Amino acid sequence: MALLRQPLLLLARSQQVKNLVSTLPVSAGIVRGYVPGEATADAVRAAGELAADGLASTLDFLGEDTEDRAQADATVAAYLDVLGALGSEGLAGGSEVSLKLSAIGQFLPADVAPEGGHRVALENARTICRAARNAGTTVTLDMEDHTTTDSTLAILRELRKDFPETGAVLQSYLHRTEDDCRQLAYEGSRVRLCKGAYAEPESVAYQDPLEVDRSYVRCLKVLMEGQGYPMVATHDPRLVEIATSLAGRSARPQGSYEFQMLYGVRPDEQRRLAASGETVRVYVPYGQEWYGYLMRRLAERPQNLAFFARSLVSKK
């Protein structure tokens, strides 16, 4: 699988291949199965359809690693637009937004942001959090590769002074995450726990999938036994079962935690969990950067290629 990484990264930069994938009937249908579209209206439509099935959603305007201030400003504007639309459509109560800090200026170079990218991202995130609160919803800060973790958690701490409802994401494949869970498992703290999708060195991350799973369970136990609101981001049936068991052991009623899954992946399971009384939130990516996003996800962990292929055959 490692041999696929470089070709996938090269394909991620190909506009010609993107155009081909977008227009061929079969591949275009596949893309629409995982990304509802490029416009605000597409994301809001998807949120409405999910709500009709009893599912919550979190909308992610795709893009990351910007070194252009105008692009960072455009991303902020896109979030304000979608939050306004969710509010006007009466969907804000069941929908939130997911935000990558690198997309709103976290690592802008000094010649572009003399005040520092960290400060730009913090102020931009404050603007988005304020709009989310006004719309009646919340923001969750996505986590990116391990070099961003300290900066992202520092911005989270600042945001929570004024917007304590702001959610965090932690990745179980990082060695540090169990300790981070302990730090964040306090009352009112919303924490999404995922496995992690970036290619990380052995010095900071578990490499064996079994070790990643074991770390996930340890971290989930900390969150379930804590005072916060765990958000269990997994499609793995074993981890779903373990999460339910841990919730029971911790005397957590349904609604004091939630499951999260990707748009288009195991929709039948999403609906089954929701019908059983569980809160289920679907991660909905949208925007013009969908192609690079999908290809980078495959390149970061080429095992995902088999996972997505299986999901095309069986939507269970």
C-alpha atoms as a PDB file:
ATOM      1  CA  MET A   1       0.000   0.000   0.000  1.00  0.00           C
ATOM      2  CA  ALA A   2       2.865   2.401   0.728  1.00  0.00           C
ATOM      3  CA  LEU A   3       3.751   2.310  -2.980  1.00  0.00           C
ATOM      4  CA  LEU A   4       0.435   4.023  -3.728  1.00  0.00           C
ATOM      5  CA  ARG A   5       1.205   7.119  -1.673  1.00  0.00           C
ATOM      6  CA  GLN A   6       3.292   9.106  -4.167  1.00  0.00           C
ATOM      7  CA  PRO A   7       1.063   8.372  -7.203  1.00  0.00           C
ATOM      8  CA  LEU A   8      -2.016   9.411  -5.223  1.00  0.00           C
ATOM      9  CA  LEU A   9      -0.363  12.657  -4.150  1.00  0.00           C
ATOM     10  CA  LEU A  10       0.545  13.384  -7.777  1.00  0.00           C
ATOM     11  CA  LEU A  11      -3.029  12.706  -8.865  1.00  0.00           C
ATOM     12  CA  ALA A  12      -4.278  15.057  -6.155  1.00  0.00           C
ATOM     13  CA  ARG A  13      -2.635  17.956  -8.019  1.00  0.00           C
ATOM     14  CA  SER A  14      -3.988  17.027 -11.458  1.00  0.00           C
ATOM     15  CA  GLN A  15      -6.806  19.280 -12.672  1.00  0.00           C
ATOM     16  CA  GLN A  16      -7.163  17.066 -15.755  1.00  0.00           C
ATOM     17  CA  VAL A  17      -7.830  13.971 -13.649  1.00  0.00           C
ATOM     18  CA  LYS A  18     -10.205  15.949 -11.419  1.00  0.00           C
ATOM     19  CA  ASN A  19     -12.199  16.991 -14.493  1.00  0.00           C
ATOM     20  CA  LEU A  20     -12.307  13.381 -15.666  1.00  0.00           C
ATOM     21  CA  VAL A  21     -13.447  12.096 -12.288  1.00  0.00           C
ATOM     22  CA  SER A  22     -16.086  14.837 -12.113  1.00  0.00           C
ATOM     23  CA  THR A  23     -17.628  14.132 -15.512  1.00  0.00           C
ATOM     24  CA  LEU A  24     -17.484  10.367 -16.085  1.00  0.00           C
ATOM     25  CA  PRO A  25     -20.920   9.046 -15.079  1.00  0.00           C
ATOM     26  CA  VAL A  26     -19.623   6.243 -12.845  1.00  0.00           C
ATOM     27  CA  SER A  27     -16.916   8.216 -11.041  1.00  0.00           C
ATOM     28  CA  ALA A  28     -19.070  11.337 -10.739  1.00  0.00           C
ATOM     29  CA  GLY A  29     -21.706   9.243  -9.015  1.00  0.00           C
ATOM     30  CA  ILE A  30     -19.088   7.889  -6.634  1.00  0.00           C
ATOM     31  CA  VAL A  31     -17.913  11.405  -5.749  1.00  0.00           C
ATOM     32  CA  ARG A  32     -21.483  12.565  -5.081  1.00  0.00           C
ATOM     33  CA  GLY A  33     -21.834   9.615  -2.733  1.00  0.00           C
ATOM     34  CA  TYR A  34     -19.175  11.055  -0.434  1.00  0.00           C
ATOM     35  CA  VAL A  35     -19.231  14.813  -1.137  1.00  0.00           C
ATOM     36  CA  PRO A  36     -22.687  16.343  -1.729  1.00  0.00           C
ATOM     37  CA  GLY A  37     -21.365  19.252  -3.814  1.00  0.00           C
ATOM     38  CA  GLU A  38     -19.289  22.404  -3.969  1.00  0.00           C
ATOM     39  CA  ALA A  39     -21.798  25.082  -2.918  1.00  0.00           C
ATOM     40  CA  THR A  40     -23.360  26.145   0.369  1.00  0.00           C
ATOM     41  CA  ALA A  41     -26.745  25.068  -0.971  1.00  0.00           C
ATOM     42  CA  ASP A  42     -25.423  21.537  -1.557  1.00  0.00           C
ATOM     43  CA  ALA A  43     -24.214  21.229   2.039  1.00  0.00           C
ATOM     44  CA  VAL A  44     -27.436  22.636   3.487  1.00  0.00           C
ATOM     45  CA  ARG A  45     -29.505  20.315   1.305  1.00  0.00           C
ATOM     46  CA  ALA A  46     -27.501  17.340   2.605  1.00  0.00           C
ATOM     47  CA  ALA A  47     -27.986  18.507   6.199  1.00  0.00           C
ATOM     48  CA  GLY A  48     -31.732  18.710   5.597  1.00  0.00           C
ATOM     49  CA  GLU A  49     -31.881  15.229   4.111  1.00  0.00           C
ATOM     50  CA  LEU A  50     -29.918  13.822   7.063  1.00  0.00           C
ATOM     51  CA  ALA A  51     -32.193  15.613   9.518  1.00  0.00           C
ATOM     52  CA  ALA A  52     -35.192  14.006   7.859  1.00  0.00           C
ATOM     53  CA  ASP A  53     -33.617  10.628   8.666  1.00  0.00           C
ATOM     54  CA  GLY A  54     -33.079  11.594  12.297  1.00  0.00           C
ATOM     55  CA  LEU A  55     -29.364  12.307  11.838  1.00  0.00           C
ATOM     56  CA  ALA A  56     -27.377  15.331  12.970  1.00  0.00           C
ATOM     57  CA  SER A  57     -24.558  16.728  10.824  1.00  0.00           C
ATOM     58  CA  THR A  58     -21.313  18.646  10.916  1.00  0.00           C
ATOM     59  CA  LEU A  59     -20.397  20.596   7.768  1.00  0.00           C
ATOM     60  CA  ASP A  60     -16.776  21.010   6.672  1.00  0.00           C
ATOM     61  CA  PHE A  61     -15.896  23.571   4.003  1.00  0.00           C
ATOM     62  CA  LEU A  62     -12.939  21.833   2.397  1.00  0.00           C
ATOM     63  CA  GLY A  63      -9.506  23.414   2.301  1.00  0.00           C
ATOM     64  CA  GLU A  64      -6.380  23.465   4.431  1.00  0.00           C
ATOM     65  CA  ASP A  65      -2.774  24.641   4.642  1.00  0.00           C
ATOM     66  CA  THR A  66      -3.430  28.034   3.086  1.00  0.00           C
ATOM     67  CA  GLU A  67      -0.567  30.510   2.855  1.00  0.00           C
ATOM     68  CA  ASP A  68      -2.773  33.126   1.217  1.00  0.00           C
ATOM     69  CA  ARG A  69      -4.609  35.637   3.390  1.00  0.00           C
ATOM     70  CA  ALA A  70      -7.322  36.223   0.814  1.00  0.00           C
ATOM     71  CA  GLN A  71      -8.028  32.493   0.738  1.00  0.00           C
ATOM     72  CA  ALA A  72      -8.229  32.422   4.543  1.00  0.00           C
ATOM     73  CA  ASP A  73     -10.704  35.322   4.425  1.00  0.00           C
ATOM     74  CA  ALA A  74     -12.738  33.523   1.748  1.00  0.00           C
ATOM     75  CA  THR A  75     -12.933  30.438   3.951  1.00  0.00           C
ATOM     76  CA  VAL A  76     -14.229  32.521   6.855  1.00  0.00           C
ATOM     77  CA  ALA A  77     -16.844  34.036   4.540  1.00  0.00           C
ATOM     78  CA  ALA A  78     -17.897  30.554   3.402  1.00  0.00           C
ATOM     79  CA  TYR A  79     -18.478  29.487   7.004  1.00  0.00           C
ATOM     80  CA  LEU A  80     -20.479  32.613   7.763  1.00  0.00           C
ATOM     81  CA  ASP A  81     -22.565  31.907   4.680  1.00  0.00           C
ATOM     82  CA  VAL A  82     -23.329  28.297   5.577  1.00  0.00           C
ATOM     83  CA  LEU A  83     -24.086  29.176   9.205  1.00  0.00           C
ATOM     84  CA  GLY A  84     -26.521  31.842   8.047  1.00  0.00           C
ATOM     85  CA  ALA A  85     -28.170  29.349   5.704  1.00  0.00           C
ATOM     86  CA  LEU A  86     -28.474  26.697   8.420  1.00  0.00           C
ATOM     87  CA  GLY A  87     -30.133  29.263  10.661  1.00  0.00           C
ATOM     88  CA  SER A  88     -32.568  30.481   8.028  1.00  0.00           C
ATOM     89  CA  GLU A  89     -33.523  26.906   7.070  1.00  0.00           C
ATOM     90  CA  GLY A  90     -34.156  25.929  10.695  1.00  0.00           C
ATOM     91  CA  LEU A  91     -31.364  23.332  10.630  1.00  0.00           C
ATOM     92  CA  ALA A  92     -28.921  24.873  13.095  1.00  0.00           C
ATOM     93  CA  GLY A  93     -30.209  22.867  16.043  1.00  0.00           C
ATOM     94  CA  GLY A  94     -29.078  19.589  14.487  1.00  0.00           C
ATOM     95  CA  SER A  95     -26.112  20.839  12.465  1.00  0.00           C
ATOM     96  CA  GLU A  96     -22.751  22.309  13.434  1.00  0.00           C
ATOM     97  CA  VAL A  97     -19.572  23.090  11.502  1.00  0.00           C
ATOM     98  CA  SER A  98     -16.108  21.540  11.544  1.00  0.00           C
ATOM     99  CA  LEU A  99     -13.197  23.912  11.057  1.00  0.00           C
ATOM    100  CA  LYS A 100      -9.562  23.368  10.078  1.00  0.00           C
ATOM    101  CA  LEU A 101      -7.468  26.157  11.577  1.00  0.00           C
ATOM    102  CA  SER A 102      -4.847  25.857   8.825  1.00  0.00           C
ATOM    103  CA  ALA A 103      -7.569  26.898   6.357  1.00  0.00           C
ATOM    104  CA  ILE A 104      -8.149  30.206   8.162  1.00  0.00           C
ATOM    105  CA  GLY A 105      -4.559  31.329   8.594  1.00  0.00           C
ATOM    106  CA  GLN A 106      -2.906  29.206  11.299  1.00  0.00           C
ATOM    107  CA  PHE A 107       0.341  28.937   9.360  1.00  0.00           C
ATOM    108  CA  LEU A 108       0.377  32.083   7.260  1.00  0.00           C
ATOM    109  CA  PRO A 109       3.991  33.185   6.644  1.00  0.00           C
ATOM    110  CA  ALA A 110       5.306  36.277   8.413  1.00  0.00           C
ATOM    111  CA  ASP A 111       5.374  38.362   5.225  1.00  0.00           C
ATOM    112  CA  VAL A 112       1.634  37.746   4.820  1.00  0.00           C
ATOM    113  CA  ALA A 113       0.646  37.972   8.494  1.00  0.00           C
ATOM    114  CA  PRO A 114       3.133  40.046  10.539  1.00  0.00           C
ATOM    115  CA  GLU A 115       0.993  39.470  13.652  1.00  0.00           C
ATOM    116  CA  GLY A 116       1.462  35.722  13.252  1.00  0.00           C
ATOM    117  CA  GLY A 117      -0.693  33.020  11.729  1.00  0.00           C
ATOM    118  CA  HIS A 118      -1.700  31.727  15.158  1.00  0.00           C
ATOM    119  CA  ARG A 119      -3.258  35.102  16.008  1.00  0.00           C
ATOM    120  CA  VAL A 120      -4.990  35.351  12.614  1.00  0.00           C
ATOM    121  CA  ALA A 121      -6.509  31.888  12.997  1.00  0.00           C
ATOM    122  CA  LEU A 122      -7.658  32.652  16.542  1.00  0.00           C
ATOM    123  CA  GLU A 123      -9.439  35.851  15.510  1.00  0.00           C
ATOM    124  CA  ASN A 124     -10.969  34.208  12.452  1.00  0.00           C
ATOM    125  CA  ALA A 125     -12.145  31.281  14.574  1.00  0.00           C
ATOM    126  CA  ARG A 126     -13.703  33.732  17.049  1.00  0.00           C
ATOM    127  CA  THR A 127     -15.653  35.296  14.192  1.00  0.00           C
ATOM    128  CA  ILE A 128     -16.954  31.891  13.104  1.00  0.00           C
ATOM    129  CA  CYS A 129     -17.772  30.806  16.680  1.00  0.00           C
ATOM    130  CA  ARG A 130     -19.735  34.029  17.213  1.00  0.00           C
ATOM    131  CA  ALA A 131     -21.718  33.422  14.013  1.00  0.00           C
ATOM    132  CA  ALA A 132     -22.367  29.836  15.061  1.00  0.00           C
ATOM    133  CA  ARG A 133     -23.675  30.914  18.447  1.00  0.00           C
ATOM    134  CA  ASN A 134     -25.895  33.534  16.820  1.00  0.00           C
ATOM    135  CA  ALA A 135     -27.272  30.840  14.510  1.00  0.00           C
ATOM    136  CA  GLY A 136     -27.908  28.524  17.453  1.00  0.00           C
ATOM    137  CA  THR A 137     -25.160  25.984  16.821  1.00  0.00           C
ATOM    138  CA  THR A 138     -21.507  25.181  17.544  1.00  0.00           C
ATOM    139  CA  VAL A 139     -18.040  24.756  16.036  1.00  0.00           C
ATOM    140  CA  THR A 140     -15.642  21.819  16.338  1.00  0.00           C
ATOM    141  CA  LEU A 141     -11.953  22.407  15.600  1.00  0.00           C
ATOM    142  CA  ASP A 142     -10.605  19.655  13.373  1.00  0.00           C
ATOM    143  CA  MET A 143      -7.177  18.214  14.171  1.00  0.00           C
ATOM    144  CA  GLU A 144      -4.568  17.918  11.451  1.00  0.00           C
ATOM    145  CA  ASP A 145      -1.076  16.396  11.488  1.00  0.00           C
ATOM    146  CA  HIS A 146       0.857  16.212  14.771  1.00  0.00           C
ATOM    147  CA  THR A 147       2.823  19.413  14.124  1.00  0.00           C
ATOM    148  CA  THR A 148      -0.422  21.379  14.539  1.00  0.00           C
ATOM    149  CA  THR A 149      -1.624  19.757  17.770  1.00  0.00           C
ATOM    150  CA  ASP A 150      -0.135  22.163  20.330  1.00  0.00           C
ATOM    151  CA  SER A 151      -1.197  25.244  18.367  1.00  0.00           C
ATOM    152  CA  THR A 152      -4.709  23.884  17.826  1.00  0.00           C
ATOM    153  CA  LEU A 153      -5.203  23.019  21.500  1.00  0.00           C
ATOM    154  CA  ALA A 154      -3.860  26.446  22.512  1.00  0.00           C
ATOM    155  CA  ILE A 155      -6.403  28.145  20.234  1.00  0.00           C
ATOM    156  CA  LEU A 156      -9.099  25.858  21.649  1.00  0.00           C
ATOM    157  CA  ARG A 157      -8.276  27.024  25.186  1.00  0.00           C
ATOM    158  CA  GLU A 158      -8.542  30.665  24.129  1.00  0.00           C
ATOM    159  CA  LEU A 159     -11.814  30.133  22.271  1.00  0.00           C
ATOM    160  CA  ARG A 160     -13.409  28.278  25.168  1.00  0.00           C
ATOM    161  CA  LYS A 161     -12.999  31.334  27.390  1.00  0.00           C
ATOM    162  CA  ASP A 162     -15.765  33.014  25.379  1.00  0.00           C
ATOM    163  CA  PHE A 163     -17.240  30.001  23.563  1.00  0.00           C
ATOM    164  CA  PRO A 164     -17.018  27.040  25.959  1.00  0.00           C
ATOM    165  CA  GLU A 165     -19.190  24.982  23.620  1.00  0.00           C
ATOM    166  CA  THR A 166     -16.378  24.766  21.027  1.00  0.00           C
ATOM    167  CA  GLY A 167     -15.527  21.144  20.269  1.00  0.00           C
ATOM    168  CA  ALA A 168     -12.114  19.512  19.948  1.00  0.00           C
ATOM    169  CA  VAL A 169     -10.795  16.547  17.964  1.00  0.00           C
ATOM    170  CA  LEU A 170      -8.211  14.078  19.253  1.00  0.00           C
ATOM    171  CA  GLN A 171      -6.549  11.260  17.292  1.00  0.00           C
ATOM    172  CA  SER A 172      -5.935   7.925  18.986  1.00  0.00           C
ATOM    173  CA  TYR A 173      -2.903   7.018  16.898  1.00  0.00           C
ATOM    174  CA  LEU A 174      -0.803   9.713  18.597  1.00  0.00           C
ATOM    175  CA  HIS A 175       1.087   8.589  21.693  1.00  0.00           C
ATOM    176  CA  ARG A 176       0.068  11.754  23.542  1.00  0.00           C
ATOM    177  CA  THR A 177      -3.681  11.434  23.060  1.00  0.00           C
ATOM    178  CA  GLU A 178      -4.586   9.510  26.217  1.00  0.00           C
ATOM    179  CA  ASP A 179      -3.089  12.342  28.282  1.00  0.00           C
ATOM    180  CA  ASP A 180      -4.855  14.938  26.122  1.00  0.00           C
ATOM    181  CA  CYS A 181      -8.145  13.111  26.775  1.00  0.00           C
ATOM    182  CA  ARG A 182      -7.586  13.410  30.512  1.00  0.00           C
ATOM    183  CA  GLN A 183      -6.960  17.127  30.128  1.00  0.00           C
ATOM    184  CA  LEU A 184     -10.148  17.631  28.100  1.00  0.00           C
ATOM    185  CA  ALA A 185     -12.578  15.292  29.890  1.00  0.00           C
ATOM    186  CA  TYR A 186     -14.141  18.063  31.968  1.00  0.00           C
ATOM    187  CA  GLU A 187     -17.749  19.198  32.221  1.00  0.00           C
ATOM    188  CA  GLY A 188     -19.023  20.907  29.092  1.00  0.00           C
ATOM    189  CA  SER A 189     -16.065  19.779  26.974  1.00  0.00           C
ATOM    190  CA  ARG A 190     -17.011  18.234  23.630  1.00  0.00           C
ATOM    191  CA  VAL A 191     -14.328  15.888  22.262  1.00  0.00           C
ATOM    192  CA  ARG A 192     -14.454  13.974  18.981  1.00  0.00           C
ATOM    193  CA  LEU A 193     -12.215  10.919  19.123  1.00  0.00           C
ATOM    194  CA  CYS A 194     -11.022   9.506  15.795  1.00  0.00           C
ATOM    195  CA  LYS A 195      -8.190   7.177  14.838  1.00  0.00           C
ATOM    196  CA  GLY A 196      -6.277   9.702  12.701  1.00  0.00           C
ATOM    197  CA  ALA A 197      -5.621   9.750   8.962  1.00  0.00           C
ATOM    198  CA  TYR A 198      -2.264  11.479   8.464  1.00  0.00           C
ATOM    199  CA  ALA A 199       1.028   9.703   7.764  1.00  0.00           C
ATOM    200  CA  GLU A 200       2.909  10.211  11.048  1.00  0.00           C
ATOM    201  CA  PRO A 201       6.398   9.082  12.155  1.00  0.00           C
ATOM    202  CA  GLU A 202       6.830   6.219  14.600  1.00  0.00           C
ATOM    203  CA  SER A 203       8.264   8.645  17.147  1.00  0.00           C
ATOM    204  CA  VAL A 204       4.861  10.275  17.692  1.00  0.00           C
ATOM    205  CA  ALA A 205       2.270   7.760  16.483  1.00  0.00           C
ATOM    206  CA  TYR A 206       1.404   4.082  16.693  1.00  0.00           C
ATOM    207  CA  GLN A 207       2.025   2.328  13.386  1.00  0.00           C
ATOM    208  CA  ASP A 208       0.289  -0.994  14.039  1.00  0.00           C
ATOM    209  CA  PRO A 209      -3.494  -0.744  13.407  1.00  0.00           C
ATOM    210  CA  LEU A 210      -4.116  -2.993  16.417  1.00  0.00           C
ATOM    211  CA  GLU A 211      -2.181  -0.593  18.657  1.00  0.00           C
ATOM    212  CA  VAL A 212      -4.187   2.323  17.243  1.00  0.00           C
ATOM    213  CA  ASP A 213      -7.401   0.476  18.132  1.00  0.00           C
ATOM    214  CA  ARG A 214      -6.169  -0.314  21.636  1.00  0.00           C
ATOM    215  CA  SER A 215      -5.275   3.332  22.145  1.00  0.00           C
ATOM    216  CA  TYR A 216      -8.725   4.308  20.866  1.00  0.00           C
ATOM    217  CA  VAL A 217     -10.386   2.137  23.508  1.00  0.00           C
ATOM    218  CA  ARG A 218      -8.156   3.501  26.291  1.00  0.00           C
ATOM    219  CA  CYS A 219      -8.888   7.073  25.216  1.00  0.00           C
ATOM    220  CA  LEU A 220     -12.598   6.392  24.877  1.00  0.00           C
ATOM    221  CA  LYS A 221     -12.694   4.934  28.379  1.00  0.00           C
ATOM    222  CA  VAL A 222     -11.156   8.155  29.741  1.00  0.00           C
ATOM    223  CA  LEU A 223     -13.728  10.266  27.905  1.00  0.00           C
ATOM    224  CA  MET A 224     -16.700   8.108  28.886  1.00  0.00           C
ATOM    225  CA  GLU A 225     -15.647   8.158  32.554  1.00  0.00           C
ATOM    226  CA  GLY A 226     -15.069  11.925  32.438  1.00  0.00           C
ATOM    227  CA  GLN A 227     -17.523  14.794  32.723  1.00  0.00           C
ATOM    228  CA  GLY A 228     -17.477  15.923  29.110  1.00  0.00           C
ATOM    229  CA  TYR A 229     -19.405  14.967  25.981  1.00  0.00           C
ATOM    230  CA  PRO A 230     -17.613  12.239  23.969  1.00  0.00           C
ATOM    231  CA  MET A 231     -18.106  12.155  20.187  1.00  0.00           C
ATOM    232  CA  VAL A 232     -17.219   8.665  18.967  1.00  0.00           C
ATOM    233  CA  ALA A 233     -15.985   8.982  15.382  1.00  0.00           C
ATOM    234  CA  THR A 234     -15.689   5.481  13.929  1.00  0.00           C
ATOM    235  CA  HIS A 235     -17.227   3.126  11.366  1.00  0.00           C
ATOM    236  CA  ASP A 236     -15.677   0.069  13.018  1.00  0.00           C
ATOM    237  CA  PRO A 237     -18.480  -2.207  14.288  1.00  0.00           C
ATOM    238  CA  ARG A 238     -16.281  -3.478  17.130  1.00  0.00           C
ATOM    239  CA  LEU A 239     -15.558   0.028  18.367  1.00  0.00           C
ATOM    240  CA  VAL A 240     -19.229   0.996  18.109  1.00  0.00           C
ATOM    241  CA  GLU A 241     -20.074  -1.985  20.306  1.00  0.00           C
ATOM    242  CA  ILE A 242     -17.274  -1.162  22.761  1.00  0.00           C
ATOM    243  CA  ALA A 243     -18.399   2.472  22.940  1.00  0.00           C
ATOM    244  CA  THR A 244     -21.944   1.415  23.783  1.00  0.00           C
ATOM    245  CA  SER A 245     -20.633  -0.945  26.457  1.00  0.00           C
ATOM    246  CA  LEU A 246     -18.379   1.726  27.987  1.00  0.00           C
ATOM    247  CA  ALA A 247     -21.268   4.173  28.053  1.00  0.00           C
ATOM    248  CA  GLY A 248     -23.318   1.623  29.973  1.00  0.00           C
ATOM    249  CA  ARG A 249     -20.513   0.960  32.447  1.00  0.00           C
ATOM    250  CA  SER A 250     -20.142   4.682  33.025  1.00  0.00           C
ATOM    251  CA  ALA A 251     -23.918   5.035  33.552  1.00  0.00           C
ATOM    252  CA  ARG A 252     -24.153   7.398  30.605  1.00  0.00           C
ATOM    253  CA  PRO A 253     -27.657   7.734  29.153  1.00  0.00           C
ATOM    254  CA  GLN A 254     -28.157   8.021  25.408  1.00  0.00           C
ATOM    255  CA  GLY A 255     -27.712  11.657  24.443  1.00  0.00           C
ATOM    256  CA  SER A 256     -24.769  12.231  26.786  1.00  0.00           C
ATOM    257  CA  TYR A 257     -22.440  11.144  23.969  1.00  0.00           C
ATOM    258  CA  GLU A 258     -22.769  10.661  20.220  1.00  0.00           C
ATOM    259  CA  PHE A 259     -21.507   8.615  17.299  1.00  0.00           C
ATOM    260  CA  GLN A 260     -20.028  10.275  14.217  1.00  0.00           C
ATOM    261  CA  MET A 261     -19.573   8.825  10.737  1.00  0.00           C
ATOM    262  CA  LEU A 262     -18.681  10.113   7.280  1.00  0.00           C
ATOM    263  CA  TYR A 263     -21.247  11.170   4.712  1.00  0.00           C
ATOM    264  CA  GLY A 264     -21.992   8.236   2.426  1.00  0.00           C
ATOM    265  CA  VAL A 265     -20.250   5.617   4.558  1.00  0.00           C
ATOM    266  CA  ARG A 266     -22.443   2.965   6.226  1.00  0.00           C
ATOM    267  CA  PRO A 267     -25.645   5.037   5.995  1.00  0.00           C
ATOM    268  CA  ASP A 268     -27.752   2.027   6.995  1.00  0.00           C
ATOM    269  CA  GLU A 269     -25.752   1.719  10.207  1.00  0.00           C
ATOM    270  CA  GLN A 270     -26.141   5.433  10.825  1.00  0.00           C
ATOM    271  CA  ARG A 271     -29.906   5.123  10.588  1.00  0.00           C
ATOM    272  CA  ARG A 272     -29.946   1.931  12.668  1.00  0.00           C
ATOM    273  CA  LEU A 273     -28.079   3.598  15.522  1.00  0.00           C
ATOM    274  CA  ALA A 274     -30.334   6.652  15.345  1.00  0.00           C
ATOM    275  CA  ALA A 275     -33.447   4.440  15.387  1.00  0.00           C
ATOM    276  CA  SER A 276     -32.112   2.735  18.521  1.00  0.00           C
ATOM    277  CA  GLY A 277     -32.052   6.106  20.300  1.00  0.00           C
ATOM    278  CA  GLU A 278     -28.393   7.015  19.785  1.00  0.00           C
ATOM    279  CA  THR A 279     -27.335  10.474  18.660  1.00  0.00           C
ATOM    280  CA  VAL A 280     -25.565  10.117  15.304  1.00  0.00           C
ATOM    281  CA  ARG A 281     -23.796  12.985  13.555  1.00  0.00           C
ATOM    282  CA  VAL A 282     -22.662  12.744   9.928  1.00  0.00           C
ATOM    283  CA  TYR A 283     -19.520  14.544   8.750  1.00  0.00           C
ATOM    284  CA  VAL A 284     -20.409  16.359   5.498  1.00  0.00           C
ATOM    285  CA  PRO A 285     -17.476  17.738   3.445  1.00  0.00           C
ATOM    286  CA  TYR A 286     -18.241  20.198   0.649  1.00  0.00           C
ATOM    287  CA  GLY A 287     -16.539  22.818  -1.515  1.00  0.00           C
ATOM    288  CA  GLN A 288     -14.304  23.056  -4.556  1.00  0.00           C
ATOM    289  CA  GLU A 289     -11.401  21.326  -2.801  1.00  0.00           C
ATOM    290  CA  TRP A 290     -13.227  17.970  -2.675  1.00  0.00           C
ATOM    291  CA  TYR A 291     -10.907  16.260  -5.166  1.00  0.00           C
ATOM    292  CA  GLY A 292      -7.649  17.042  -3.411  1.00  0.00           C
ATOM    293  CA  TYR A 293      -9.302  16.225  -0.103  1.00  0.00           C
ATOM    294  CA  LEU A 294     -10.342  12.734  -1.173  1.00  0.00           C
ATOM    295  CA  MET A 295      -7.015  11.955  -2.829  1.00  0.00           C
ATOM    296  CA  ARG A 296      -4.989  13.183   0.146  1.00  0.00           C
ATOM    297  CA  ARG A 297      -7.081  11.073   2.502  1.00  0.00           C
ATOM    298  CA  LEU A 298      -6.220   8.046   0.378  1.00  0.00           C
ATOM    299  CA  ALA A 299      -2.552   9.019   0.166  1.00  0.00           C
ATOM    300  CA  GLU A 300      -2.220   9.565   3.909  1.00  0.00           C
ATOM    301  CA  ARG A 301      -3.520   6.079   4.581  1.00  0.00           C
ATOM    302  CA  PRO A 302      -3.745   4.020   1.378  1.00  0.00           C
ATOM    303  CA  GLN A 303      -5.624   1.353   3.386  1.00  0.00           C
ATOM    304  CA  ASN A 304      -8.560   3.760   3.001  1.00  0.00           C
ATOM    305  CA  LEU A 305      -8.649   2.835  -0.692  1.00  0.00           C
ATOM    306  CA  ALA A 306      -9.845  -0.662   0.187  1.00  0.00           C
ATOM    307  CA  PHE A 307     -12.221   0.766   2.787  1.00  0.00           C
ATOM    308  CA  PHE A 308     -13.930   3.090   0.312  1.00  0.00           C
ATOM    309  CA  ALA A 309     -14.013   0.352  -2.330  1.00  0.00           C
ATOM    310  CA  ARG A 310     -15.842  -1.940   0.077  1.00  0.00           C
ATOM    311  CA  SER A 311     -18.300   0.812   0.944  1.00  0.00           C
ATOM    312  CA  LEU A 312     -19.241   1.124  -2.752  1.00  0.00           C
ATOM    313  CA  VAL A 313     -20.252  -2.530  -2.790  1.00  0.00           C
ATOM    314  CA  SER A 314     -21.994  -2.565   0.574  1.00  0.00           C
ATOM    315  CA  LYS A 315     -23.567   0.484   2.188  1.00  0.00           C
ATOM    316  CA  LYS A 316     -24.219  -1.372   5.459  1.00  0.00           C
END
